[in-house]
Amino acid sequence: MRSIETERLLLRNFSQNDDDAFFDLINNYNNSPMSKHDHEWPKNNLELLNILNWFCTLDDYLAVIVKNENKIIGTVNITKENTPNNNVYSQRPPPEVGA
């Protein structure tokens, strides 16, 4: 389990209880103008549930939560890369649906 906390935000592992908030987050994103510049997310809840279940098994995909609202406002991927100094982090895209 991974948790990072600031004064306003909490970054934590996803849980099964995040399903409604995760669906809302991704559906809102899919309907935003920014979605055309990114990897296409699934549009049905069964595929989104599969991604959420996968996120729940990992320590590198975290929910971003506004603490005073207890609301998920995004996701972040923190992955430690295999480098000589083991100090570099990068993003890794979510798995392809149906892969």
N, C-alpha and C. Protein backbone atom coordinates (compact mmCIF):
# COMPACT_ATOMS: atom_id res chain seq x y z
N MET A 1 0.85 -1.18 0.00
CA MET A 1 0.00 0.00 0.00
C MET A 1 0.89 1.24 0.00
N ARG A 2 0.48 2.21 -0.80
CA ARG A 2 1.23 3.45 -0.90
C ARG A 2 0.30 4.61 -0.59
N SER A 3 0.81 5.58 0.13
CA SER A 3 0.03 6.76 0.47
C SER A 3 0.97 7.96 0.55
N ILE A 4 0.58 9.03 -0.12
CA ILE A 4 1.34 10.28 -0.10
C ILE A 4 0.34 11.37 0.27
N GLU A 5 0.72 12.20 1.22
CA GLU A 5 -0.22 13.21 1.71
C GLU A 5 0.42 14.59 1.72
N THR A 6 -0.37 15.58 1.28
CA THR A 6 0.02 16.98 1.39
C THR A 6 -1.05 17.67 2.24
N GLU A 7 -0.94 18.97 2.36
CA GLU A 7 -1.92 19.70 3.16
C GLU A 7 -3.33 19.55 2.59
N ARG A 8 -3.45 19.57 1.25
CA ARG A 8 -4.78 19.52 0.62
C ARG A 8 -5.12 18.19 -0.04
N LEU A 9 -4.11 17.40 -0.41
CA LEU A 9 -4.35 16.21 -1.22
C LEU A 9 -3.87 14.94 -0.52
N LEU A 10 -4.54 13.86 -0.89
CA LEU A 10 -4.13 12.52 -0.48
C LEU A 10 -4.01 11.68 -1.75
N LEU A 11 -2.87 11.05 -1.93
CA LEU A 11 -2.67 10.08 -3.01
C LEU A 11 -2.61 8.72 -2.35
N ARG A 12 -3.50 7.83 -2.76
CA ARG A 12 -3.56 6.51 -2.14
C ARG A 12 -3.93 5.47 -3.18
N ASN A 13 -3.75 4.22 -2.81
CA ASN A 13 -4.15 3.12 -3.68
C ASN A 13 -5.66 3.18 -3.93
N PHE A 14 -6.04 2.73 -5.09
CA PHE A 14 -7.46 2.60 -5.38
C PHE A 14 -8.02 1.43 -4.59
N SER A 15 -9.33 1.47 -4.33
CA SER A 15 -10.02 0.35 -3.68
C SER A 15 -11.29 0.06 -4.46
N GLN A 16 -11.87 -1.10 -4.20
CA GLN A 16 -13.12 -1.49 -4.86
C GLN A 16 -14.23 -0.48 -4.57
N ASN A 17 -14.16 0.18 -3.43
CA ASN A 17 -15.18 1.16 -3.06
C ASN A 17 -15.12 2.43 -3.90
N ASP A 18 -14.09 2.58 -4.72
CA ASP A 18 -13.94 3.77 -5.55
C ASP A 18 -14.66 3.65 -6.89
N ASP A 19 -15.43 2.58 -7.09
CA ASP A 19 -15.99 2.33 -8.41
C ASP A 19 -16.84 3.48 -8.94
N ASP A 20 -17.80 3.98 -8.19
CA ASP A 20 -18.66 5.06 -8.70
C ASP A 20 -17.85 6.32 -8.99
N ALA A 21 -16.94 6.69 -8.11
CA ALA A 21 -16.12 7.88 -8.32
C ALA A 21 -15.20 7.70 -9.52
N PHE A 22 -14.65 6.49 -9.69
CA PHE A 22 -13.78 6.21 -10.83
C PHE A 22 -14.56 6.29 -12.13
N PHE A 23 -15.77 5.69 -12.17
CA PHE A 23 -16.61 5.75 -13.37
C PHE A 23 -16.92 7.21 -13.72
N ASP A 24 -17.30 8.00 -12.73
CA ASP A 24 -17.61 9.42 -12.97
C ASP A 24 -16.39 10.17 -13.50
N LEU A 25 -15.25 9.93 -12.88
CA LEU A 25 -14.02 10.59 -13.29
C LEU A 25 -13.69 10.30 -14.75
N ILE A 26 -13.72 9.04 -15.13
CA ILE A 26 -13.36 8.66 -16.50
C ILE A 26 -14.43 9.11 -17.49
N ASN A 27 -15.70 8.98 -17.13
CA ASN A 27 -16.76 9.43 -18.04
C ASN A 27 -16.69 10.94 -18.26
N ASN A 28 -16.41 11.70 -17.21
CA ASN A 28 -16.24 13.15 -17.37
C ASN A 28 -15.05 13.46 -18.27
N TYR A 29 -13.97 12.71 -18.08
CA TYR A 29 -12.79 12.92 -18.90
C TYR A 29 -13.08 12.57 -20.36
N ASN A 30 -13.76 11.44 -20.59
CA ASN A 30 -14.09 11.04 -21.97
C ASN A 30 -14.92 12.10 -22.69
N ASN A 31 -15.70 12.86 -21.95
CA ASN A 31 -16.55 13.89 -22.54
C ASN A 31 -15.90 15.27 -22.58
N SER A 32 -14.65 15.36 -22.16
CA SER A 32 -13.95 16.64 -22.15
C SER A 32 -13.19 16.84 -23.46
N PRO A 33 -12.90 18.09 -23.81
CA PRO A 33 -12.12 18.36 -25.02
C PRO A 33 -10.70 17.77 -24.96
N MET A 34 -10.17 17.57 -23.76
CA MET A 34 -8.80 17.06 -23.61
C MET A 34 -8.69 15.58 -23.98
N SER A 35 -9.78 14.85 -23.97
CA SER A 35 -9.71 13.41 -24.20
C SER A 35 -9.18 13.06 -25.59
N LYS A 36 -9.36 13.96 -26.55
CA LYS A 36 -8.88 13.66 -27.90
C LYS A 36 -7.35 13.65 -27.99
N HIS A 37 -6.67 14.14 -26.97
CA HIS A 37 -5.21 14.20 -26.96
C HIS A 37 -4.58 13.05 -26.17
N ASP A 38 -5.37 12.12 -25.72
CA ASP A 38 -4.88 11.08 -24.80
C ASP A 38 -5.33 9.71 -25.27
N HIS A 39 -4.82 8.70 -24.58
CA HIS A 39 -5.25 7.32 -24.78
C HIS A 39 -6.76 7.23 -24.56
N GLU A 40 -7.46 6.54 -25.44
CA GLU A 40 -8.91 6.43 -25.29
C GLU A 40 -9.25 5.47 -24.16
N TRP A 41 -10.08 5.94 -23.24
CA TRP A 41 -10.55 5.12 -22.14
C TRP A 41 -11.83 4.41 -22.56
N PRO A 42 -12.11 3.24 -21.99
CA PRO A 42 -13.36 2.55 -22.29
C PRO A 42 -14.57 3.41 -21.90
N LYS A 43 -15.68 3.11 -22.53
CA LYS A 43 -16.89 3.88 -22.26
C LYS A 43 -17.94 3.08 -21.48
N ASN A 44 -17.72 1.78 -21.31
CA ASN A 44 -18.72 1.02 -20.54
C ASN A 44 -18.16 0.62 -19.17
N ASN A 45 -19.06 0.49 -18.23
CA ASN A 45 -18.67 0.28 -16.84
C ASN A 45 -17.97 -1.05 -16.59
N LEU A 46 -18.29 -2.09 -17.35
CA LEU A 46 -17.62 -3.37 -17.15
C LEU A 46 -16.13 -3.26 -17.47
N GLU A 47 -15.80 -2.61 -18.58
CA GLU A 47 -14.39 -2.43 -18.92
C GLU A 47 -13.69 -1.51 -17.92
N LEU A 48 -14.40 -0.45 -17.48
CA LEU A 48 -13.82 0.43 -16.46
C LEU A 48 -13.60 -0.32 -15.15
N LEU A 49 -14.52 -1.20 -14.80
CA LEU A 49 -14.35 -1.99 -13.58
C LEU A 49 -13.13 -2.89 -13.68
N ASN A 50 -12.87 -3.45 -14.85
CA ASN A 50 -11.67 -4.26 -15.04
C ASN A 50 -10.41 -3.44 -14.83
N ILE A 51 -10.41 -2.21 -15.33
CA ILE A 51 -9.24 -1.34 -15.13
C ILE A 51 -9.10 -0.98 -13.65
N LEU A 52 -10.22 -0.63 -13.00
CA LEU A 52 -10.16 -0.31 -11.57
C LEU A 52 -9.63 -1.50 -10.78
N ASN A 53 -10.10 -2.70 -11.09
CA ASN A 53 -9.61 -3.90 -10.39
C ASN A 53 -8.10 -4.05 -10.58
N TRP A 54 -7.62 -3.76 -11.78
CA TRP A 54 -6.18 -3.85 -12.05
C TRP A 54 -5.44 -2.78 -11.25
N PHE A 55 -5.97 -1.53 -11.24
CA PHE A 55 -5.35 -0.46 -10.45
C PHE A 55 -5.26 -0.86 -8.97
N CYS A 56 -6.27 -1.55 -8.47
CA CYS A 56 -6.30 -1.94 -7.05
C CYS A 56 -5.19 -2.91 -6.68
N THR A 57 -4.64 -3.60 -7.66
CA THR A 57 -3.59 -4.58 -7.37
C THR A 57 -2.19 -3.99 -7.40
N LEU A 58 -2.08 -2.71 -7.76
CA LEU A 58 -0.78 -2.09 -7.96
C LEU A 58 -0.51 -0.97 -6.96
N ASP A 59 0.76 -0.68 -6.75
CA ASP A 59 1.14 0.45 -5.91
C ASP A 59 1.55 1.66 -6.73
N ASP A 60 1.51 1.56 -8.07
CA ASP A 60 1.97 2.70 -8.86
C ASP A 60 0.84 3.51 -9.50
N TYR A 61 -0.41 3.04 -9.48
CA TYR A 61 -1.55 3.85 -9.92
C TYR A 61 -2.31 4.28 -8.67
N LEU A 62 -2.35 5.58 -8.43
CA LEU A 62 -2.94 6.10 -7.19
C LEU A 62 -4.10 7.03 -7.49
N ALA A 63 -5.07 7.03 -6.59
CA ALA A 63 -6.18 7.98 -6.64
C ALA A 63 -5.72 9.29 -6.03
N VAL A 64 -6.08 10.41 -6.67
CA VAL A 64 -5.78 11.75 -6.15
C VAL A 64 -7.07 12.27 -5.53
N ILE A 65 -7.03 12.56 -4.23
CA ILE A 65 -8.22 12.92 -3.48
C ILE A 65 -8.05 14.29 -2.83
N VAL A 66 -9.06 15.15 -2.97
CA VAL A 66 -9.09 16.40 -2.23
C VAL A 66 -9.57 16.06 -0.83
N LYS A 67 -8.72 16.30 0.15
CA LYS A 67 -9.01 15.82 1.51
C LYS A 67 -10.26 16.44 2.12
N ASN A 68 -10.44 17.75 1.98
CA ASN A 68 -11.59 18.37 2.66
C ASN A 68 -12.92 18.01 2.01
N GLU A 69 -12.89 17.46 0.77
CA GLU A 69 -14.12 17.01 0.10
C GLU A 69 -14.21 15.49 0.04
N ASN A 70 -13.11 14.81 0.35
CA ASN A 70 -13.02 13.35 0.23
C ASN A 70 -13.49 12.91 -1.16
N LYS A 71 -13.00 13.62 -2.19
CA LYS A 71 -13.43 13.39 -3.57
C LYS A 71 -12.23 13.07 -4.45
N ILE A 72 -12.37 12.00 -5.25
CA ILE A 72 -11.32 11.65 -6.21
C ILE A 72 -11.40 12.63 -7.37
N ILE A 73 -10.28 13.30 -7.65
CA ILE A 73 -10.24 14.27 -8.74
C ILE A 73 -9.31 13.84 -9.86
N GLY A 74 -8.63 12.72 -9.70
CA GLY A 74 -7.74 12.28 -10.75
C GLY A 74 -6.97 11.04 -10.36
N THR A 75 -6.06 10.67 -11.24
CA THR A 75 -5.18 9.53 -11.01
C THR A 75 -3.75 9.99 -11.26
N VAL A 76 -2.82 9.27 -10.69
CA VAL A 76 -1.40 9.53 -10.94
C VAL A 76 -0.70 8.19 -11.00
N ASN A 77 0.30 8.12 -11.86
CA ASN A 77 1.10 6.91 -12.00
C ASN A 77 2.51 7.24 -11.57
N ILE A 78 3.00 6.53 -10.57
CA ILE A 78 4.37 6.71 -10.08
C ILE A 78 5.06 5.37 -10.21
N THR A 79 5.99 5.30 -11.15
CA THR A 79 6.69 4.05 -11.42
C THR A 79 8.18 4.28 -11.33
N LYS A 80 8.84 3.53 -10.51
CA LYS A 80 10.29 3.63 -10.41
C LYS A 80 10.91 2.85 -11.56
N GLU A 81 11.76 3.53 -12.30
CA GLU A 81 12.42 2.92 -13.45
C GLU A 81 13.72 2.23 -13.02
N ASN A 82 14.10 1.24 -13.76
CA ASN A 82 15.38 0.58 -13.53
C ASN A 82 16.49 1.42 -14.15
N THR A 83 17.12 2.24 -13.36
CA THR A 83 18.22 3.08 -13.81
C THR A 83 19.38 2.89 -12.85
N PRO A 84 20.56 3.28 -13.27
CA PRO A 84 21.73 3.09 -12.38
C PRO A 84 21.55 3.75 -11.01
N ASN A 85 20.89 4.91 -10.95
CA ASN A 85 20.74 5.55 -9.65
C ASN A 85 19.38 5.27 -9.01
N ASN A 86 18.51 4.51 -9.70
CA ASN A 86 17.18 4.16 -9.20
C ASN A 86 16.44 5.36 -8.62
N ASN A 87 16.55 6.48 -9.30
CA ASN A 87 15.97 7.71 -8.78
C ASN A 87 15.09 8.40 -9.83
N VAL A 88 14.76 7.70 -10.91
CA VAL A 88 13.99 8.30 -12.01
C VAL A 88 12.60 7.68 -12.04
N TYR A 89 11.60 8.54 -12.17
CA TYR A 89 10.22 8.07 -12.24
C TYR A 89 9.64 8.47 -13.59
N SER A 90 8.73 7.67 -14.11
CA SER A 90 8.10 7.99 -15.39
C SER A 90 6.67 7.48 -15.38
N GLN A 91 5.93 7.80 -16.45
CA GLN A 91 4.54 7.35 -16.57
C GLN A 91 4.50 6.12 -17.46
N ARG A 92 3.54 5.24 -17.17
CA ARG A 92 3.29 4.05 -17.96
C ARG A 92 1.80 4.04 -18.28
N PRO A 93 1.42 3.87 -19.54
CA PRO A 93 -0.01 3.92 -19.88
C PRO A 93 -0.76 2.72 -19.32
N PRO A 94 -2.08 2.86 -19.14
CA PRO A 94 -2.88 1.74 -18.68
C PRO A 94 -2.90 0.63 -19.72
N PRO A 95 -3.27 -0.59 -19.33
CA PRO A 95 -3.27 -1.69 -20.30
C PRO A 95 -4.34 -1.47 -21.36
N GLU A 96 -4.10 -2.02 -22.53
CA GLU A 96 -5.10 -1.95 -23.58
C GLU A 96 -6.31 -2.80 -23.19
N VAL A 97 -7.48 -2.33 -23.48
CA VAL A 97 -8.70 -3.08 -23.18
C VAL A 97 -8.72 -4.30 -24.09
N GLY A 98 -9.00 -5.44 -23.51
CA GLY A 98 -9.06 -6.69 -24.27
C GLY A 98 -7.70 -7.32 -24.50
N ALA A 99 -6.66 -6.71 -23.97
CA ALA A 99 -5.31 -7.25 -24.17
C ALA A 99 -5.06 -8.38 -23.19
